[in-house]
PDB file of all heavy atoms in Angstrom:
ATOM      1  N   GLU A   1      86.517  31.927  86.450  1.00  0.00           N
ATOM      2  CA  GLU A   1      87.947  32.072  86.202  1.00  0.00           C
ATOM      3  C   GLU A   1      88.542  30.671  86.154  1.00  0.00           C
ATOM      4  O   GLU A   1      88.628  29.991  87.172  1.00  0.00           O
ATOM      5  CB  GLU A   1      88.612  32.887  87.317  1.00  0.00           C
ATOM      6  CG  GLU A   1      90.102  33.028  87.110  1.00  0.00           C
ATOM      7  CD  GLU A   1      90.814  33.612  88.301  1.00  0.00           C
ATOM      8  OE1 GLU A   1      91.221  32.822  89.181  1.00  0.00           O
ATOM      9  OE2 GLU A   1      90.941  34.838  88.357  1.00  0.00           O
ATOM     10  N   ASP A   2      88.916  30.219  84.960  1.00  0.00           N
ATOM     11  CA  ASP A   2      89.547  28.915  84.787  1.00  0.00           C
ATOM     12  C   ASP A   2      91.040  29.136  84.621  1.00  0.00           C
ATOM     13  O   ASP A   2      91.456  30.164  84.089  1.00  0.00           O
ATOM     14  CB  ASP A   2      89.011  28.213  83.538  1.00  0.00           C
ATOM     15  CG  ASP A   2      87.502  28.139  83.525  1.00  0.00           C
ATOM     16  OD1 ASP A   2      86.920  27.888  84.585  1.00  0.00           O
ATOM     17  OD2 ASP A   2      86.915  28.350  82.447  1.00  0.00           O
ATOM     18  N   ARG A   3      91.833  28.157  85.042  1.00  0.00           N
ATOM     19  CA  ARG A   3      93.276  28.320  84.900  1.00  0.00           C
ATOM     20  C   ARG A   3      93.982  26.991  84.720  1.00  0.00           C
ATOM     21  O   ARG A   3      93.534  25.950  85.202  1.00  0.00           O
ATOM     22  CB  ARG A   3      93.859  29.010  86.112  1.00  0.00           C
ATOM     23  CG  ARG A   3      93.859  28.105  87.327  1.00  0.00           C
ATOM     24  CD  ARG A   3      94.583  28.658  88.489  1.00  0.00           C
ATOM     25  NE  ARG A   3      93.810  29.754  89.010  1.00  0.00           N
ATOM     26  CZ  ARG A   3      94.239  30.585  89.925  1.00  0.00           C
ATOM     27  NH1 ARG A   3      95.421  30.459  90.419  1.00  0.00           N
ATOM     28  NH2 ARG A   3      93.484  31.547  90.372  1.00  0.00           N
ATOM     29  N   LEU A   4      95.083  27.061  84.002  1.00  0.00           N
ATOM     30  CA  LEU A   4      96.038  25.969  83.885  1.00  0.00           C
ATOM     31  C   LEU A   4      97.402  26.579  84.163  1.00  0.00           C
ATOM     32  O   LEU A   4      97.678  27.716  83.755  1.00  0.00           O
ATOM     33  CB  LEU A   4      96.022  25.351  82.492  1.00  0.00           C
ATOM     34  CG  LEU A   4      94.750  24.614  82.102  1.00  0.00           C
ATOM     35  CD1 LEU A   4      94.818  24.201  80.637  1.00  0.00           C
ATOM     36  CD2 LEU A   4      94.545  23.394  82.984  1.00  0.00           C
ATOM     37  N   GLY A   5      98.265  25.834  84.833  1.00  0.00           N
ATOM     38  CA  GLY A   5      99.576  26.385  85.149  1.00  0.00           C
ATOM     39  C   GLY A   5     100.629  25.312  85.250  1.00  0.00           C
ATOM     40  O   GLY A   5     100.341  24.121  85.407  1.00  0.00           O
ATOM     41  N   VAL A   6     101.858  25.763  85.152  1.00  0.00           N
ATOM     42  CA  VAL A   6     103.019  24.897  85.305  1.00  0.00           C
ATOM     43  C   VAL A   6     104.116  25.758  85.932  1.00  0.00           C
ATOM     44  O   VAL A   6     104.166  26.967  85.710  1.00  0.00           O
ATOM     45  CB  VAL A   6     103.459  24.284  83.949  1.00  0.00           C
ATOM     46  CG1 VAL A   6     103.885  25.352  82.960  1.00  0.00           C
ATOM     47  CG2 VAL A   6     104.538  23.256  84.140  1.00  0.00           C
ATOM     48  N   GLY A   7     104.968  25.133  86.740  1.00  0.00           N
ATOM     49  CA  GLY A   7     106.031  25.911  87.362  1.00  0.00           C
ATOM     50  C   GLY A   7     106.947  25.056  88.202  1.00  0.00           C
ATOM     51  O   GLY A   7     106.872  23.827  88.193  1.00  0.00           O
ATOM     52  N   ILE A   8     107.826  25.746  88.939  1.00  0.00           N
ATOM     53  CA  ILE A   8     108.752  25.067  89.828  1.00  0.00           C
ATOM     54  C   ILE A   8     108.694  25.708  91.210  1.00  0.00           C
ATOM     55  O   ILE A   8     108.423  26.896  91.347  1.00  0.00           O
ATOM     56  CB  ILE A   8     110.202  25.096  89.300  1.00  0.00           C
ATOM     57  CG1 ILE A   8     110.685  26.535  89.121  1.00  0.00           C
ATOM     58  CG2 ILE A   8     110.352  24.315  88.016  1.00  0.00           C
ATOM     59  CD1 ILE A   8     112.161  26.664  88.825  1.00  0.00           C
ATOM     60  N   LEU A   9     108.933  24.878  92.219  1.00  0.00           N
ATOM     61  CA  LEU A   9     109.103  25.329  93.601  1.00  0.00           C
ATOM     62  C   LEU A   9     110.562  25.116  93.955  1.00  0.00           C
ATOM     63  O   LEU A   9     111.152  24.090  93.598  1.00  0.00           O
ATOM     64  CB  LEU A   9     108.215  24.518  94.549  1.00  0.00           C
ATOM     65  CG  LEU A   9     106.716  24.663  94.343  1.00  0.00           C
ATOM     66  CD1 LEU A   9     105.972  23.607  95.140  1.00  0.00           C
ATOM     67  CD2 LEU A   9     106.260  26.048  94.749  1.00  0.00           C
ATOM     68  N   PHE A  10     111.159  26.082  94.643  1.00  0.00           N
ATOM     69  CA  PHE A  10     112.556  25.936  95.012  1.00  0.00           C
ATOM     70  C   PHE A  10     112.811  26.658  96.331  1.00  0.00           C
ATOM     71  O   PHE A  10     111.947  27.356  96.843  1.00  0.00           O
ATOM     72  CB  PHE A  10     113.486  26.443  93.902  1.00  0.00           C
ATOM     73  CG  PHE A  10     113.230  27.853  93.468  1.00  0.00           C
ATOM     74  CD1 PHE A  10     113.976  28.898  93.989  1.00  0.00           C
ATOM     75  CD2 PHE A  10     112.244  28.147  92.529  1.00  0.00           C
ATOM     76  CE1 PHE A  10     113.741  30.203  93.592  1.00  0.00           C
ATOM     77  CE2 PHE A  10     112.006  29.449  92.127  1.00  0.00           C
ATOM     78  CZ  PHE A  10     112.754  30.480  92.661  1.00  0.00           C
ATOM     79  N   GLY A  11     113.995  26.465  96.865  1.00  0.00           N
ATOM     80  CA  GLY A  11     114.357  27.001  98.173  1.00  0.00           C
ATOM     81  C   GLY A  11     114.420  25.870  99.175  1.00  0.00           C
ATOM     82  O   GLY A  11     113.951  24.759  98.912  1.00  0.00           O
ATOM     83  N   PRO A  12     114.983  26.119 100.363  1.00  0.00           N
ATOM     84  CA  PRO A  12     115.138  25.059 101.355  1.00  0.00           C
ATOM     85  C   PRO A  12     113.817  24.425 101.803  1.00  0.00           C
ATOM     86  O   PRO A  12     113.756  23.252 102.111  1.00  0.00           O
ATOM     87  CB  PRO A  12     115.821  25.742 102.541  1.00  0.00           C
ATOM     88  CG  PRO A  12     116.135  27.124 102.131  1.00  0.00           C
ATOM     89  CD  PRO A  12     115.545  27.380 100.799  1.00  0.00           C
ATOM     90  N   ARG A  13     112.745  25.202 101.846  1.00  0.00           N
ATOM     91  CA  ARG A  13     111.418  24.683 102.227  1.00  0.00           C
ATOM     92  C   ARG A  13     110.459  24.716 101.041  1.00  0.00           C
ATOM     93  O   ARG A  13     109.260  24.691 101.217  1.00  0.00           O
ATOM     94  CB  ARG A  13     110.839  25.516 103.375  1.00  0.00           C
ATOM     95  CG  ARG A  13     111.613  25.440 104.664  1.00  0.00           C
ATOM     96  CD  ARG A  13     110.995  26.312 105.756  1.00  0.00           C
ATOM     97  NE  ARG A  13     111.067  27.734 105.428  1.00  0.00           N
ATOM     98  CZ  ARG A  13     110.021  28.524 105.171  1.00  0.00           C
ATOM     99  NH1 ARG A  13     108.803  28.061 105.216  1.00  0.00           N
ATOM    100  NH2 ARG A  13     110.190  29.795 104.873  1.00  0.00           N
ATOM    101  N   TYR A  14     110.984  24.813  99.837  1.00  0.00           N
ATOM    102  CA  TYR A  14     110.171  24.981  98.626  1.00  0.00           C
ATOM    103  C   TYR A  14     109.233  26.170  98.779  1.00  0.00           C
ATOM    104  O   TYR A  14     108.081  26.127  98.384  1.00  0.00           O
ATOM    105  CB  TYR A  14     109.384  23.715  98.291  1.00  0.00           C
ATOM    106  CG  TYR A  14     110.271  22.541  97.995  1.00  0.00           C
ATOM    107  CD1 TYR A  14     110.324  21.454  98.837  1.00  0.00           C
ATOM    108  CD2 TYR A  14     111.073  22.540  96.857  1.00  0.00           C
ATOM    109  CE1 TYR A  14     111.154  20.381  98.561  1.00  0.00           C
ATOM    110  CE2 TYR A  14     111.910  21.473  96.575  1.00  0.00           C
ATOM    111  CZ  TYR A  14     111.941  20.397  97.432  1.00  0.00           C
ATOM    112  OH  TYR A  14     112.759  19.343  97.161  1.00  0.00           O
ATOM    113  N   GLN A  15     109.742  27.250  99.338  1.00  0.00           N
ATOM    114  CA  GLN A  15     108.907  28.415  99.608  1.00  0.00           C
ATOM    115  C   GLN A  15     108.836  29.389  98.427  1.00  0.00           C
ATOM    116  O   GLN A  15     107.966  30.245  98.401  1.00  0.00           O
ATOM    117  CB  GLN A  15     109.392  29.146 100.871  1.00  0.00           C
ATOM    118  CG  GLN A  15     110.682  29.907 100.721  1.00  0.00           C
ATOM    119  CD  GLN A  15     111.921  29.080 101.062  1.00  0.00           C
ATOM    120  OE1 GLN A  15     111.958  27.881 100.878  1.00  0.00           O
ATOM    121  NE2 GLN A  15     112.950  29.740 101.542  1.00  0.00           N
ATOM    122  N   TYR A  16     109.719  29.262  97.448  1.00  0.00           N
ATOM    123  CA  TYR A  16     109.691  30.155  96.286  1.00  0.00           C
ATOM    124  C   TYR A  16     109.047  29.439  95.109  1.00  0.00           C
ATOM    125  O   TYR A  16     109.213  28.233  94.926  1.00  0.00           O
ATOM    126  CB  TYR A  16     111.101  30.604  95.910  1.00  0.00           C
ATOM    127  CG  TYR A  16     111.814  31.295  97.027  1.00  0.00           C
ATOM    128  CD1 TYR A  16     112.864  30.676  97.692  1.00  0.00           C
ATOM    129  CD2 TYR A  16     111.427  32.563  97.438  1.00  0.00           C
ATOM    130  CE1 TYR A  16     113.520  31.298  98.729  1.00  0.00           C
ATOM    131  CE2 TYR A  16     112.080  33.197  98.483  1.00  0.00           C
ATOM    132  CZ  TYR A  16     113.127  32.560  99.124  1.00  0.00           C
ATOM    133  OH  TYR A  16     113.768  33.174 100.158  1.00  0.00           O
ATOM    134  N   GLU A  17     108.337  30.207  94.309  1.00  0.00           N
ATOM    135  CA  GLU A  17     107.602  29.628  93.188  1.00  0.00           C
ATOM    136  C   GLU A  17     107.791  30.506  91.944  1.00  0.00           C
ATOM    137  O   GLU A  17     107.694  31.730  92.012  1.00  0.00           O
ATOM    138  CB  GLU A  17     106.126  29.569  93.556  1.00  0.00           C
ATOM    139  CG  GLU A  17     105.222  29.043  92.504  1.00  0.00           C
ATOM    140  CD  GLU A  17     103.775  28.938  92.995  1.00  0.00           C
ATOM    141  OE1 GLU A  17     103.523  29.001  94.211  1.00  0.00           O
ATOM    142  OE2 GLU A  17     102.906  28.799  92.130  1.00  0.00           O
ATOM    143  N   LEU A  18     108.068  29.880  90.824  1.00  0.00           N
ATOM    144  CA  LEU A  18     108.147  30.557  89.528  1.00  0.00           C
ATOM    145  C   LEU A  18     107.310  29.749  88.560  1.00  0.00           C
ATOM    146  O   LEU A  18     107.523  28.542  88.411  1.00  0.00           O
ATOM    147  CB  LEU A  18     109.593  30.650  89.036  1.00  0.00           C
ATOM    148  CG  LEU A  18     109.803  31.202  87.628  1.00  0.00           C
ATOM    149  CD1 LEU A  18     109.330  32.660  87.546  1.00  0.00           C
ATOM    150  CD2 LEU A  18     111.258  31.084  87.217  1.00  0.00           C
ATOM    151  N   GLY A  19     106.323  30.395  87.918  1.00  0.00           N
ATOM    152  CA  GLY A  19     105.437  29.620  87.063  1.00  0.00           C
ATOM    153  C   GLY A  19     104.780  30.420  85.960  1.00  0.00           C
ATOM    154  O   GLY A  19     104.900  31.641  85.876  1.00  0.00           O
ATOM    155  N   TYR A  20     104.085  29.692  85.121  1.00  0.00           N
ATOM    156  CA  TYR A  20     103.286  30.248  84.018  1.00  0.00           C
ATOM    157  C   TYR A  20     101.833  29.859  84.276  1.00  0.00           C
ATOM    158  O   TYR A  20     101.549  28.727  84.679  1.00  0.00           O
ATOM    159  CB  TYR A  20     103.754  29.665  82.683  1.00  0.00           C
ATOM    160  CG  TYR A  20     102.720  29.808  81.593  1.00  0.00           C
ATOM    161  CD1 TYR A  20     102.561  31.007  80.911  1.00  0.00           C
ATOM    162  CD2 TYR A  20     101.872  28.754  81.272  1.00  0.00           C
ATOM    163  CE1 TYR A  20     101.591  31.142  79.937  1.00  0.00           C
ATOM    164  CE2 TYR A  20     100.902  28.879  80.292  1.00  0.00           C
ATOM    165  CZ  TYR A  20     100.772  30.077  79.637  1.00  0.00           C
ATOM    166  OH  TYR A  20      99.802  30.213  78.668  1.00  0.00           O
ATOM    167  N   ARG A  21     100.909  30.807  84.019  1.00  0.00           N
ATOM    168  CA  ARG A  21      99.481  30.514  84.128  1.00  0.00           C
ATOM    169  C   ARG A  21      98.743  31.022  82.900  1.00  0.00           C
ATOM    170  O   ARG A  21      98.985  32.132  82.441  1.00  0.00           O
ATOM    171  CB  ARG A  21      98.863  31.197  85.344  1.00  0.00           C
ATOM    172  CG  ARG A  21      99.185  30.548  86.632  1.00  0.00           C
ATOM    173  CD  ARG A  21      98.357  31.131  87.742  1.00  0.00           C
ATOM    174  NE  ARG A  21      98.899  30.708  89.017  1.00  0.00           N
ATOM    175  CZ  ARG A  21      98.776  31.394  90.128  1.00  0.00           C
ATOM    176  NH1 ARG A  21      98.115  32.533  90.140  1.00  0.00           N
ATOM    177  NH2 ARG A  21      99.299  30.951  91.233  1.00  0.00           N
ATOM    178  N   LEU A  22      97.841  30.201  82.435  1.00  0.00           N
ATOM    179  CA  LEU A  22      96.853  30.626  81.453  1.00  0.00           C
ATOM    180  C   LEU A  22      95.559  30.811  82.237  1.00  0.00           C
ATOM    181  O   LEU A  22      95.042  29.857  82.827  1.00  0.00           O
ATOM    182  CB  LEU A  22      96.660  29.573  80.362  1.00  0.00           C
ATOM    183  CG  LEU A  22      95.461  29.792  79.446  1.00  0.00           C
ATOM    184  CD1 LEU A  22      95.589  31.098  78.664  1.00  0.00           C
ATOM    185  CD2 LEU A  22      95.278  28.619  78.514  1.00  0.00           C
ATOM    186  N   ILE A  23      95.070  32.038  82.271  1.00  0.00           N
ATOM    187  CA  ILE A  23      93.839  32.355  83.001  1.00  0.00           C
ATOM    188  C   ILE A  23      92.777  32.754  81.988  1.00  0.00           C
ATOM    189  O   ILE A  23      93.029  33.590  81.112  1.00  0.00           O
ATOM    190  CB  ILE A  23      94.077  33.484  84.024  1.00  0.00           C
ATOM    191  CG1 ILE A  23      95.128  33.041  85.036  1.00  0.00           C
ATOM    192  CG2 ILE A  23      92.771  33.853  84.718  1.00  0.00           C
ATOM    193  CD1 ILE A  23      95.537  34.116  86.005  1.00  0.00           C
ATOM    194  N   HIS A  24      91.609  32.160  82.098  1.00  0.00           N
ATOM    195  CA  HIS A  24      90.503  32.404  81.164  1.00  0.00           C
ATOM    196  C   HIS A  24      89.299  32.905  81.957  1.00  0.00           C
ATOM    197  O   HIS A  24      88.853  32.242  82.892  1.00  0.00           O
ATOM    198  CB  HIS A  24      90.157  31.110  80.431  1.00  0.00           C
ATOM    199  CG  HIS A  24      88.949  31.212  79.559  1.00  0.00           C
ATOM    200  ND1 HIS A  24      88.940  31.914  78.376  1.00  0.00           N
ATOM    201  CD2 HIS A  24      87.714  30.689  79.712  1.00  0.00           C
ATOM    202  CE1 HIS A  24      87.730  31.815  77.837  1.00  0.00           C
ATOM    203  NE2 HIS A  24      86.968  31.080  78.622  1.00  0.00           N
ATOM    204  N   PHE A  25      88.799  34.079  81.591  1.00  0.00           N
ATOM    205  CA  PHE A  25      87.575  34.628  82.174  1.00  0.00           C
ATOM    206  C   PHE A  25      86.442  34.420  81.188  1.00  0.00           C
ATOM    207  O   PHE A  25      86.558  34.796  80.019  1.00  0.00           O
ATOM    208  CB  PHE A  25      87.725  36.125  82.465  1.00  0.00           C
ATOM    209  CG  PHE A  25      88.681  36.442  83.564  1.00  0.00           C
ATOM    210  CD1 PHE A  25      89.956  36.897  83.287  1.00  0.00           C
ATOM    211  CD2 PHE A  25      88.311  36.296  84.893  1.00  0.00           C
ATOM    212  CE1 PHE A  25      90.847  37.206  84.296  1.00  0.00           C
ATOM    213  CE2 PHE A  25      89.193  36.605  85.916  1.00  0.00           C
ATOM    214  CZ  PHE A  25      90.463  37.057  85.615  1.00  0.00           C
ATOM    215  N   SER A  26      85.343  33.820  81.638  1.00  0.00           N
ATOM    216  CA  SER A  26      84.212  33.523  80.770  1.00  0.00           C
ATOM    217  C   SER A  26      82.959  33.388  81.619  1.00  0.00           C
ATOM    218  O   SER A  26      83.034  33.006  82.779  1.00  0.00           O
ATOM    219  CB  SER A  26      84.474  32.208  80.033  1.00  0.00           C
ATOM    220  OG  SER A  26      83.326  31.724  79.403  1.00  0.00           O
ATOM    221  N   ASN A  27      81.796  33.673  81.023  1.00  0.00           N
ATOM    222  CA  ASN A  27      80.560  33.492  81.790  1.00  0.00           C
ATOM    223  C   ASN A  27      79.936  32.116  81.538  1.00  0.00           C
ATOM    224  O   ASN A  27      78.858  31.830  82.058  1.00  0.00           O
ATOM    225  CB  ASN A  27      79.561  34.625  81.506  1.00  0.00           C
ATOM    226  CG  ASN A  27      79.028  34.635  80.096  1.00  0.00           C
ATOM    227  OD1 ASN A  27      78.732  33.596  79.521  1.00  0.00           O
ATOM    228  ND2 ASN A  27      78.907  35.822  79.522  1.00  0.00           N
ATOM    229  N   GLY A  28      80.590  31.261  80.779  1.00  0.00           N
ATOM    230  CA  GLY A  28      80.085  29.903  80.562  1.00  0.00           C
ATOM    231  C   GLY A  28      78.738  29.878  79.859  1.00  0.00           C
ATOM    232  O   GLY A  28      77.947  28.980  80.081  1.00  0.00           O
ATOM    233  N   TYR A  29      78.464  30.874  79.033  1.00  0.00           N
ATOM    234  CA  TYR A  29      77.200  31.016  78.307  1.00  0.00           C
ATOM    235  C   TYR A  29      76.000  31.131  79.234  1.00  0.00           C
ATOM    236  O   TYR A  29      74.900  30.716  78.904  1.00  0.00           O
ATOM    237  CB  TYR A  29      77.020  29.894  77.288  1.00  0.00           C
ATOM    238  CG  TYR A  29      78.002  30.001  76.157  1.00  0.00           C
ATOM    239  CD1 TYR A  29      79.147  29.206  76.135  1.00  0.00           C
ATOM    240  CD2 TYR A  29      77.829  30.928  75.145  1.00  0.00           C
ATOM    241  CE1 TYR A  29      80.073  29.318  75.119  1.00  0.00           C
ATOM    242  CE2 TYR A  29      78.757  31.047  74.130  1.00  0.00           C
ATOM    243  CZ  TYR A  29      79.872  30.241  74.116  1.00  0.00           C
ATOM    244  OH  TYR A  29      80.793  30.379  73.121  1.00  0.00           O
ATOM    245  N   LEU A  30      76.219  31.726  80.410  1.00  0.00           N
ATOM    246  CA  LEU A  30      75.098  32.037  81.283  1.00  0.00           C
ATOM    247  C   LEU A  30      74.460  33.369  80.901  1.00  0.00           C
ATOM    248  O   LEU A  30      73.390  33.708  81.381  1.00  0.00           O
ATOM    249  CB  LEU A  30      75.554  32.078  82.750  1.00  0.00           C
ATOM    250  CG  LEU A  30      76.055  30.743  83.294  1.00  0.00           C
ATOM    251  CD1 LEU A  30      76.565  30.913  84.710  1.00  0.00           C
ATOM    252  CD2 LEU A  30      74.975  29.684  83.223  1.00  0.00           C
ATOM    253  N   ALA A  31      75.127  34.132  80.045  1.00  0.00           N
ATOM    254  CA  ALA A  31      74.584  35.369  79.484  1.00  0.00           C
ATOM    255  C   ALA A  31      74.454  35.174  77.974  1.00  0.00           C
ATOM    256  O   ALA A  31      74.973  34.212  77.409  1.00  0.00           O
ATOM    257  CB  ALA A  31      75.513  36.547  79.786  1.00  0.00           C
ATOM    258  N   GLN A  32      73.767  36.085  77.308  1.00  0.00           N
ATOM    259  CA  GLN A  32      73.562  35.951  75.862  1.00  0.00           C
ATOM    260  C   GLN A  32      74.861  36.077  75.082  1.00  0.00           C
ATOM    261  O   GLN A  32      75.023  35.466  74.040  1.00  0.00           O
ATOM    262  CB  GLN A  32      72.553  36.984  75.378  1.00  0.00           C
ATOM    263  CG  GLN A  32      71.144  36.686  75.830  1.00  0.00           C
ATOM    264  CD  GLN A  32      70.151  37.669  75.246  1.00  0.00           C
ATOM    265  OE1 GLN A  32      70.501  38.686  74.689  1.00  0.00           O
ATOM    266  NE2 GLN A  32      68.877  37.337  75.390  1.00  0.00           N
ATOM    267  N   VAL A  33      75.784  36.902  75.571  1.00  0.00           N
ATOM    268  CA  VAL A  33      77.070  37.096  74.915  1.00  0.00           C
ATOM    269  C   VAL A  33      78.155  36.523  75.811  1.00  0.00           C
ATOM    270  O   VAL A  33      78.129  36.696  77.025  1.00  0.00           O
ATOM    271  CB  VAL A  33      77.331  38.606  74.668  1.00  0.00           C
ATOM    272  CG1 VAL A  33      78.680  38.819  74.029  1.00  0.00           C
ATOM    273  CG2 VAL A  33      76.223  39.198  73.818  1.00  0.00           C
ATOM    274  N   ASN A  34      79.141  35.819  75.208  1.00  0.00           N
ATOM    275  CA  ASN A  34      80.225  35.216  75.982  1.00  0.00           C
ATOM    276  C   ASN A  34      81.511  35.241  75.174  1.00  0.00           C
ATOM    277  O   ASN A  34      81.961  34.222  74.688  1.00  0.00           O
ATOM    278  CB  ASN A  34      79.873  33.783  76.379  1.00  0.00           C
ATOM    279  CG  ASN A  34      80.947  33.149  77.228  1.00  0.00           C
ATOM    280  OD1 ASN A  34      81.624  33.821  77.987  1.00  0.00           O
ATOM    281  ND2 ASN A  34      81.107  31.853  77.089  1.00  0.00           N
ATOM    282  N   GLN A  35      82.115  36.425  75.025  1.00  0.00           N
ATOM    283  CA  GLN A  35      83.342  36.497  74.242  1.00  0.00           C
ATOM    284  C   GLN A  35      84.568  36.086  75.051  1.00  0.00           C
ATOM    285  O   GLN A  35      85.532  35.615  74.493  1.00  0.00           O
ATOM    286  CB  GLN A  35      83.514  37.898  73.654  1.00  0.00           C
ATOM    287  CG  GLN A  35      82.464  38.185  72.605  1.00  0.00           C
ATOM    288  CD  GLN A  35      82.656  39.520  71.927  1.00  0.00           C
ATOM    289  OE1 GLN A  35      83.244  40.438  72.480  1.00  0.00           O
ATOM    290  NE2 GLN A  35      82.150  39.614  70.712  1.00  0.00           N
ATOM    291  N   GLY A  36      84.555  36.260  76.352  1.00  0.00           N
ATOM    292  CA  GLY A  36      85.653  35.812  77.203  1.00  0.00           C
ATOM    293  C   GLY A  36      86.963  36.526  76.928  1.00  0.00           C
ATOM    294  O   GLY A  36      87.100  37.277  75.965  1.00  0.00           O
ATOM    295  N   ILE A  37      87.930  36.281  77.797  1.00  0.00           N
ATOM    296  CA  ILE A  37      89.256  36.871  77.643  1.00  0.00           C
ATOM    297  C   ILE A  37      90.278  35.945  78.285  1.00  0.00           C
ATOM    298  O   ILE A  37      90.002  35.314  79.308  1.00  0.00           O
ATOM    299  CB  ILE A  37      89.310  38.294  78.240  1.00  0.00           C
ATOM    300  CG1 ILE A  37      90.558  39.001  77.792  1.00  0.00           C
ATOM    301  CG2 ILE A  37      89.171  38.275  79.742  1.00  0.00           C
ATOM    302  CD1 ILE A  37      90.469  40.503  77.932  1.00  0.00           C
ATOM    303  N   ASN A  38      91.447  35.830  77.674  1.00  0.00           N
ATOM    304  CA  ASN A  38      92.534  34.995  78.178  1.00  0.00           C
ATOM    305  C   ASN A  38      93.707  35.865  78.586  1.00  0.00           C
ATOM    306  O   ASN A  38      93.973  36.895  77.972  1.00  0.00           O
ATOM    307  CB  ASN A  38      93.022  34.027  77.098  1.00  0.00           C
ATOM    308  CG  ASN A  38      91.958  33.046  76.687  1.00  0.00           C
ATOM    309  OD1 ASN A  38      91.193  32.575  77.512  1.00  0.00           O
ATOM    310  ND2 ASN A  38      91.903  32.748  75.403  1.00  0.00           N
ATOM    311  N   LEU A  39      94.453  35.409  79.591  1.00  0.00           N
ATOM    312  CA  LEU A  39      95.693  36.057  80.007  1.00  0.00           C
ATOM    313  C   LEU A  39      96.779  34.999  80.128  1.00  0.00           C
ATOM    314  O   LEU A  39      96.557  33.941  80.725  1.00  0.00           O
ATOM    315  CB  LEU A  39      95.533  36.749  81.362  1.00  0.00           C
ATOM    316  CG  LEU A  39      94.615  37.952  81.427  1.00  0.00           C
ATOM    317  CD1 LEU A  39      94.426  38.396  82.873  1.00  0.00           C
ATOM    318  CD2 LEU A  39      95.181  39.099  80.604  1.00  0.00           C
ATOM    319  N   HIS A  40      97.944  35.272  79.574  1.00  0.00           N
ATOM    320  CA  HIS A  40      99.132  34.436  79.722  1.00  0.00           C
ATOM    321  C   HIS A  40     100.042  35.180  80.691  1.00  0.00           C
ATOM    322  O   HIS A  40     100.494  36.281  80.383  1.00  0.00           O
ATOM    323  CB  HIS A  40      99.844  34.240  78.390  1.00  0.00           C
ATOM    324  CG  HIS A  40      98.967  33.610  77.354  1.00  0.00           C
ATOM    325  ND1 HIS A  40      98.853  32.242  77.239  1.00  0.00           N
ATOM    326  CD2 HIS A  40      98.162  34.141  76.412  1.00  0.00           C
ATOM    327  CE1 HIS A  40      98.015  31.975  76.251  1.00  0.00           C
ATOM    328  NE2 HIS A  40      97.570  33.105  75.748  1.00  0.00           N
TER     329      HIS A  40
END
């Protein structure tokens, strides 16, 4: 599971978070087939 993200922290202790993540599931060609899937 690979990911890249960006976002902001806010609140008096920076306890709240709002962000975007690109998550990629892949077997890294450890199997014969590796079509993978991405989530935004």
